[in-house]
Each structure stands twice: as structure tokens, then as C-alpha cells.
Protein backbone atom coordinates (compact mmCIF):
# COMPACT_ATOMS: atom_id res chain seq x y z
CA UNK A 1 -6.85 -15.88 13.40
CA UNK A 2 -5.50 -12.82 11.50
CA UNK A 3 -8.74 -10.95 9.18
CA UNK A 4 -7.49 -8.50 6.24
CA UNK A 5 -10.50 -6.14 5.48
CA UNK A 6 -10.28 -4.49 1.98
CA UNK A 7 -12.66 -1.92 0.61
CA UNK A 8 -13.30 -2.36 -3.00
CA UNK A 9 -10.91 -3.73 -5.72
CA UNK A 10 -8.25 -2.27 -7.52
CA UNK A 11 -9.79 -3.42 -10.71
CA UNK A 12 -12.21 -0.16 -10.09
CA UNK A 13 -9.42 1.72 -9.33
CA UNK A 14 -8.14 1.20 -13.11
CA UNK A 15 -11.52 2.29 -14.49
CA UNK A 16 -11.39 5.46 -12.57
CA UNK A 17 -14.10 4.35 -9.78
CA UNK A 18 -12.46 6.44 -7.08
CA UNK A 19 -14.83 9.07 -6.51
CA UNK A 20 -16.61 7.82 -3.27
CA UNK A 21 -14.69 5.92 -0.41
CA UNK A 22 -14.95 4.82 2.66
CA UNK A 23 -14.62 7.31 5.76
CA UNK A 24 -11.28 7.14 7.25
CA UNK A 25 -12.37 6.60 10.43
CA UNK A 26 -14.84 3.85 9.76
CA UNK A 27 -11.20 2.15 8.26
CA UNK A 28 -9.35 2.47 11.37
CA UNK A 29 -11.96 0.64 13.61
CA UNK A 30 -10.83 -2.72 11.58
CA UNK A 31 -7.22 -2.19 11.65
CA UNK A 32 -3.94 -0.23 12.67
CA UNK A 33 -1.92 -1.64 9.65
CA UNK A 34 -2.75 -0.34 6.36
CA UNK A 35 -2.31 1.00 2.63
CA UNK A 36 -4.32 2.66 0.02
CA UNK A 37 -5.72 5.54 -1.47
CA UNK A 38 -7.72 8.23 -0.75
CA UNK A 39 -11.16 9.78 -2.87
CA UNK A 40 -10.57 10.47 -6.33
CA UNK A 41 -6.98 8.85 -5.78
CA UNK A 42 -5.42 12.15 -4.23
CA UNK A 43 -2.40 10.62 -2.43
CA UNK A 44 -1.12 7.50 -1.27
CA UNK A 45 -2.79 6.30 2.26
CA UNK A 46 -0.19 5.05 5.00
CA UNK A 47 -2.03 3.27 8.14
CA UNK A 48 0.85 2.62 10.70
CA UNK A 49 0.65 2.25 14.73
CA UNK A 50 -3.21 3.25 14.46
CA UNK A 51 -2.33 6.54 12.21
CA UNK A 52 -3.17 7.46 9.29
CA UNK A 53 -0.94 9.29 6.86
CA UNK A 54 -1.70 11.23 3.39
CA UNK A 55 1.70 11.00 1.26
CA UNK A 56 0.96 13.75 -1.64
CA UNK A 57 3.37 15.47 -3.63
CA UNK A 58 2.51 18.71 -6.06
CA UNK A 59 -0.91 20.01 -4.84
CA UNK A 60 -0.10 21.76 -1.92
CA UNK A 61 3.01 23.18 -1.58
CA UNK A 62 2.68 23.61 2.35
CA UNK A 63 2.66 19.95 2.14
CA UNK A 64 6.16 19.17 -0.06
CA UNK A 65 7.32 16.12 -0.71
CA UNK A 66 4.86 13.20 0.61
CA UNK A 67 4.04 15.65 3.67
CA UNK A 68 2.11 13.06 6.06
CA UNK A 69 -0.84 14.66 7.39
CA UNK A 70 -1.91 12.75 10.45
CA UNK A 71 -5.51 12.51 9.91
CA UNK A 72 -6.87 10.08 13.22
CA UNK A 73 -5.99 7.69 15.33
CA UNK A 74 -7.41 4.07 17.00
CA UNK A 75 -5.13 1.69 18.57
CA UNK A 76 -7.77 -0.36 20.16
CA UNK A 77 -7.52 -3.80 18.74
CA UNK A 78 -5.21 -6.81 19.44
CA UNK A 79 -1.75 -6.74 17.89
CA UNK A 80 -1.53 -9.35 15.15
CA UNK A 81 0.30 -12.73 16.09
CA UNK A 82 4.01 -12.06 14.62
CA UNK A 83 7.11 -13.13 13.76
CA UNK A 84 9.98 -10.91 13.61
CA UNK A 85 13.27 -11.78 12.13
CA UNK A 86 16.77 -9.36 10.84
CA UNK A 87 17.08 -9.41 7.22
CA UNK A 88 19.37 -7.75 4.96
CA UNK A 89 17.65 -7.40 1.12
CA UNK A 90 20.24 -5.43 -0.98
CA UNK A 91 17.30 -4.97 -3.31
CA UNK A 92 13.65 -5.78 -3.96
CA UNK A 93 13.77 -8.56 -5.31
CA UNK A 94 15.93 -10.16 -2.65
CA UNK A 95 12.89 -8.89 0.18
CA UNK A 96 10.62 -11.04 -1.72
CA UNK A 97 12.24 -14.36 -1.63
CA UNK A 98 13.20 -13.53 1.84
CA UNK A 99 9.92 -13.29 2.93
CA UNK A 100 8.79 -16.02 0.99
CA UNK A 101 11.31 -18.26 2.70
CA UNK A 102 10.78 -16.92 6.46
CA UNK A 103 7.30 -17.41 6.51
CA UNK A 104 6.45 -20.50 4.91
CA UNK A 105 2.38 -20.39 4.39
CA UNK A 106 2.70 -21.01 0.64
CA UNK A 107 2.25 -18.79 -2.41
CA UNK A 108 -1.59 -18.79 -1.92
CA UNK A 109 -2.48 -16.93 1.52
CA UNK A 110 -1.41 -13.46 2.47
CA UNK A 111 0.93 -11.90 4.62
CA UNK A 112 1.30 -9.01 6.54
CA UNK A 113 4.40 -7.61 7.26
CA UNK A 114 6.45 -4.02 8.32
CA UNK A 115 9.54 -3.32 7.99
CA UNK A 116 11.87 -0.79 10.08
CA UNK A 117 15.45 0.32 10.19
CA UNK A 118 17.63 2.40 7.42
CA UNK A 119 17.49 2.47 3.81
CA UNK A 120 19.95 3.30 1.34
CA UNK A 121 17.37 4.09 -1.29
CA UNK A 122 13.87 3.85 -1.77
CA UNK A 123 12.22 4.74 -4.92
CA UNK A 124 8.26 6.44 -3.86
CA UNK A 125 5.54 7.27 -6.12
CA UNK A 126 3.10 9.34 -4.91
CA UNK A 127 -0.70 9.36 -7.24
CA UNK A 128 -1.78 12.99 -7.46
CA UNK A 129 -5.83 12.96 -8.39
CA UNK A 130 -8.02 12.29 -10.80
CA UNK A 131 -7.89 15.25 -13.30
CA UNK A 132 -11.20 14.38 -14.23
CA UNK A 133 -13.68 11.95 -13.34
CA UNK A 134 -13.41 8.46 -14.59
CA UNK A 135 -9.44 8.84 -14.99
CA UNK A 136 -8.14 5.53 -14.02
CA UNK A 137 -5.07 4.66 -12.38
CA UNK A 138 -3.25 3.58 -15.50
CA UNK A 139 -3.56 7.33 -16.42
CA UNK A 140 -2.67 8.51 -12.97
CA UNK A 141 0.75 6.45 -12.76
CA UNK A 142 1.66 7.48 -16.61
CA UNK A 143 1.95 11.47 -14.84
CA UNK A 144 2.89 10.34 -11.57
CA UNK A 145 5.78 12.04 -9.60
CA UNK A 146 8.62 9.74 -8.61
CA UNK A 147 10.99 10.68 -6.40
CA UNK A 148 14.17 9.03 -4.30
CA UNK A 149 14.76 8.98 -1.02
CA UNK A 150 18.37 8.30 0.31
CA UNK A 151 20.13 7.49 3.19
CA UNK A 152 17.05 7.30 5.49
CA UNK A 153 15.21 5.60 8.31
CA UNK A 154 11.54 4.58 7.81
CA UNK A 155 9.10 2.23 7.97
CA UNK A 156 7.70 0.24 5.18
CA UNK A 157 3.73 -1.09 5.41
CA UNK A 158 2.78 -3.76 3.08
CA UNK A 159 0.81 -7.78 2.15
CA UNK A 160 1.92 -10.25 0.01
CA UNK A 161 -1.27 -11.50 -2.29
CA UNK A 162 -1.66 -14.60 -3.92
CA UNK A 163 -1.41 -14.41 -8.01
CA UNK A 164 -5.01 -15.72 -8.43
CA UNK A 165 -6.41 -12.55 -6.63
CA UNK A 166 -4.57 -10.51 -8.92
CA UNK A 167 -7.05 -7.63 -10.01
CA UNK A 168 -9.37 -8.05 -6.53
CA UNK A 169 -6.27 -7.03 -4.48
CA UNK A 170 -2.44 -6.04 -5.88
CA UNK A 171 -0.68 -9.55 -6.39
CA UNK A 172 2.65 -9.98 -5.30
CA UNK A 173 3.91 -7.36 -2.82
CA UNK A 174 2.68 -4.16 -2.06
CA UNK A 175 4.57 -1.54 0.06
CA UNK A 176 4.35 2.04 1.14
CA UNK A 177 6.77 3.77 2.67
CA UNK A 178 7.12 6.68 5.41
CA UNK A 179 10.41 8.22 6.97
CA UNK A 180 10.94 7.69 11.24
CA UNK A 181 9.65 11.94 10.73
CA UNK A 182 6.32 10.75 9.72
CA UNK A 183 6.67 13.27 6.34
CA UNK A 184 8.04 11.64 3.28
CA UNK A 185 7.03 8.51 1.41
CA UNK A 186 4.83 6.62 -1.35
CA UNK A 187 3.90 3.64 -2.94
CA UNK A 188 7.14 1.63 -2.92
CA UNK A 189 8.97 0.96 -6.78
CA UNK A 190 12.33 0.09 -5.36
CA UNK A 191 14.23 0.24 -2.14
CA UNK A 192 17.55 -0.81 -0.83
CA UNK A 193 18.60 -1.14 2.56
CA UNK A 194 21.40 0.29 4.76
CA UNK A 195 22.08 -3.15 6.32
CA UNK A 196 20.02 -5.04 8.33
CA UNK A 197 16.20 -3.81 9.12
CA UNK A 198 13.31 -5.68 11.35
CA UNK A 199 10.84 -7.21 9.86
CA UNK A 200 7.92 -8.61 11.12
CA UNK A 201 4.77 -10.44 9.23
CA UNK A 202 2.16 -12.20 10.21
CA UNK A 203 -0.31 -15.19 8.13
CA UNK A 204 -3.83 -14.18 7.61
CA UNK A 205 -5.59 -16.62 6.43
CA UNK A 206 -8.83 -14.90 6.43
CA UNK A 207 -10.59 -11.89 4.53
CA UNK A 208 -12.98 -9.72 4.54
CA UNK A 209 -13.95 -7.29 0.71
CA UNK A 210 -16.74 -5.06 1.10
CA UNK A 211 -18.10 -3.40 -2.20
CA UNK A 212 -19.05 -0.20 -2.70
CA UNK A 213 -22.95 0.15 -1.57
CA UNK A 214 -24.99 3.15 -3.57
CA UNK A 215 -22.58 4.39 -5.56
CA UNK A 216 -23.71 5.04 -9.11
CA UNK A 217 -20.18 5.18 -10.49
CA UNK A 218 -18.95 1.55 -9.17
CA UNK A 219 -22.37 0.44 -10.24
CA UNK A 220 -21.96 1.59 -13.63
CA UNK A 221 -18.92 0.45 -14.61
CA UNK A 222 -17.75 -2.13 -16.48
CA UNK A 223 -14.78 -3.26 -14.17
CA UNK A 224 -12.53 -6.02 -15.67
CA UNK A 225 -8.86 -7.52 -15.33
CA UNK A 226 -6.18 -6.02 -17.14
CA UNK A 227 -3.44 -7.75 -15.84
CA UNK A 228 -0.68 -5.48 -17.78
CA UNK A 229 -2.13 -2.30 -16.82
CA UNK A 230 -2.05 -3.08 -12.61
CA UNK A 231 1.76 -4.72 -13.25
CA UNK A 232 2.93 -1.43 -15.12
CA UNK A 233 1.19 0.82 -12.50
CA UNK A 234 2.20 -0.92 -9.74
CA UNK A 235 5.60 -2.14 -10.35
CA UNK A 236 4.48 -5.29 -9.02
CA UNK A 237 7.17 -8.16 -7.38
CA UNK A 238 5.60 -11.53 -7.99
CA UNK A 239 6.88 -14.14 -4.88
């Protein structure tokens, strides 16, 4: 049975709870496909083929746009059972409908997916880190660098999460992109394919959620679900 692992909740990030986190080595010990962020929300995390990359722009000119930094490698887990299809979603909205039709698990289950191929355009954002403690994701998103990558090949790593888990995870489609040189990418706001792309996906009917321990910032926060703020920050697509 495929299993999804998650550390903390999106609503904690909305409240600016990001001073601590899980060591990257511990995260990679639990799987080789994933997305997230870093302590203080300094960049976008994408885990593909067992390697973790930090997509970041503007803090360090040596890294440039979305420069990928290989942080660790661990690939000793069996690959989940997958289905593979060729699809041609001209717009991001079509992608959601295609996933729903191809992977008939219903709206109330997780789907982990990966898309490889050529993209006419991918609009990405990279959060640039908190400017002060407890700055929330909504505030960061309001000043996030947004970039359009055109005529590029690469990989989208993502999840489809049930609507009833909004506030715990990000409901609908949540995706990060990285180009084939593993140098540019970020959180996907929109995409358009160049032609057919390959999608691989797996049902996930079991999830494990670890909440922060010994974290005063988390324990003292008033964490609530603000649906409108999450949708504004994440640019959600419900399917």
C-alpha cells in the first residue's frame, strides 16, 4: 500500500510557524518524491529521483533563478505501484480533469503524480524567506518572485489532495516544477505543454502526519483554517 508522509500543516505556515523543521536526511528516509519548503520558508523544496533541490531566487546572485542545490540523496525505497499515460493538457485546468479521469480513485483520496516532457510555458513562484519571525505565507506570497519559463523540458512533481483536508494539506493540485538541467523551477502557478507529456501516478490511501514536537513557536500559535488565504497563496486548482 502506498503511503504519504507529511510534516506539519499548511495552516501553520499561514500563521508563520516556520522557524524549525524536519532534518532533510530524515525526510528523504521516508520517500523519494515530494514537495514542500524549508525553514523560514526560504525557497521551494522539490524531491525528484531521491534528490532534494532548493529552488530560490533573489537572496544569492550566485544561485540565480531557481538554482537547484543538491542537498542529499537516498533512493532505497521500492517505487510505488504506478500507472503511466501520455497526455496533452494545453492548460493547467485540463490537467486536473485528465488526472481525475485517468486515475479513478474518486475525489476523496490522494494521488501522487509526476509529469515529464516539454512545456511551452510554466509560471512558477519561489518564496524568498521570512523577513521577520512569524511572517505568514500569505504575506510572503504577496511579494513572491514570479517567473515564466518558456519552451523548456523538465519534471513536475505533485499531489492531488482531497478538499476536506484543506488547511492540513493543500487541497486540489499542488505541484512544483524543475527543469531537466535541475537548475530552475518552483511552485507551479500555471503550465502549458508543448505536446504530449508522460504522466505517472499512484493512488495513496494511507497517510502519516507528524506534528512538530518541542517547538514553542508551533505550540504557542493559534492555528486556524483560512480557506481564502490558502487559495490566494497557493493558486489552487480543485479537481
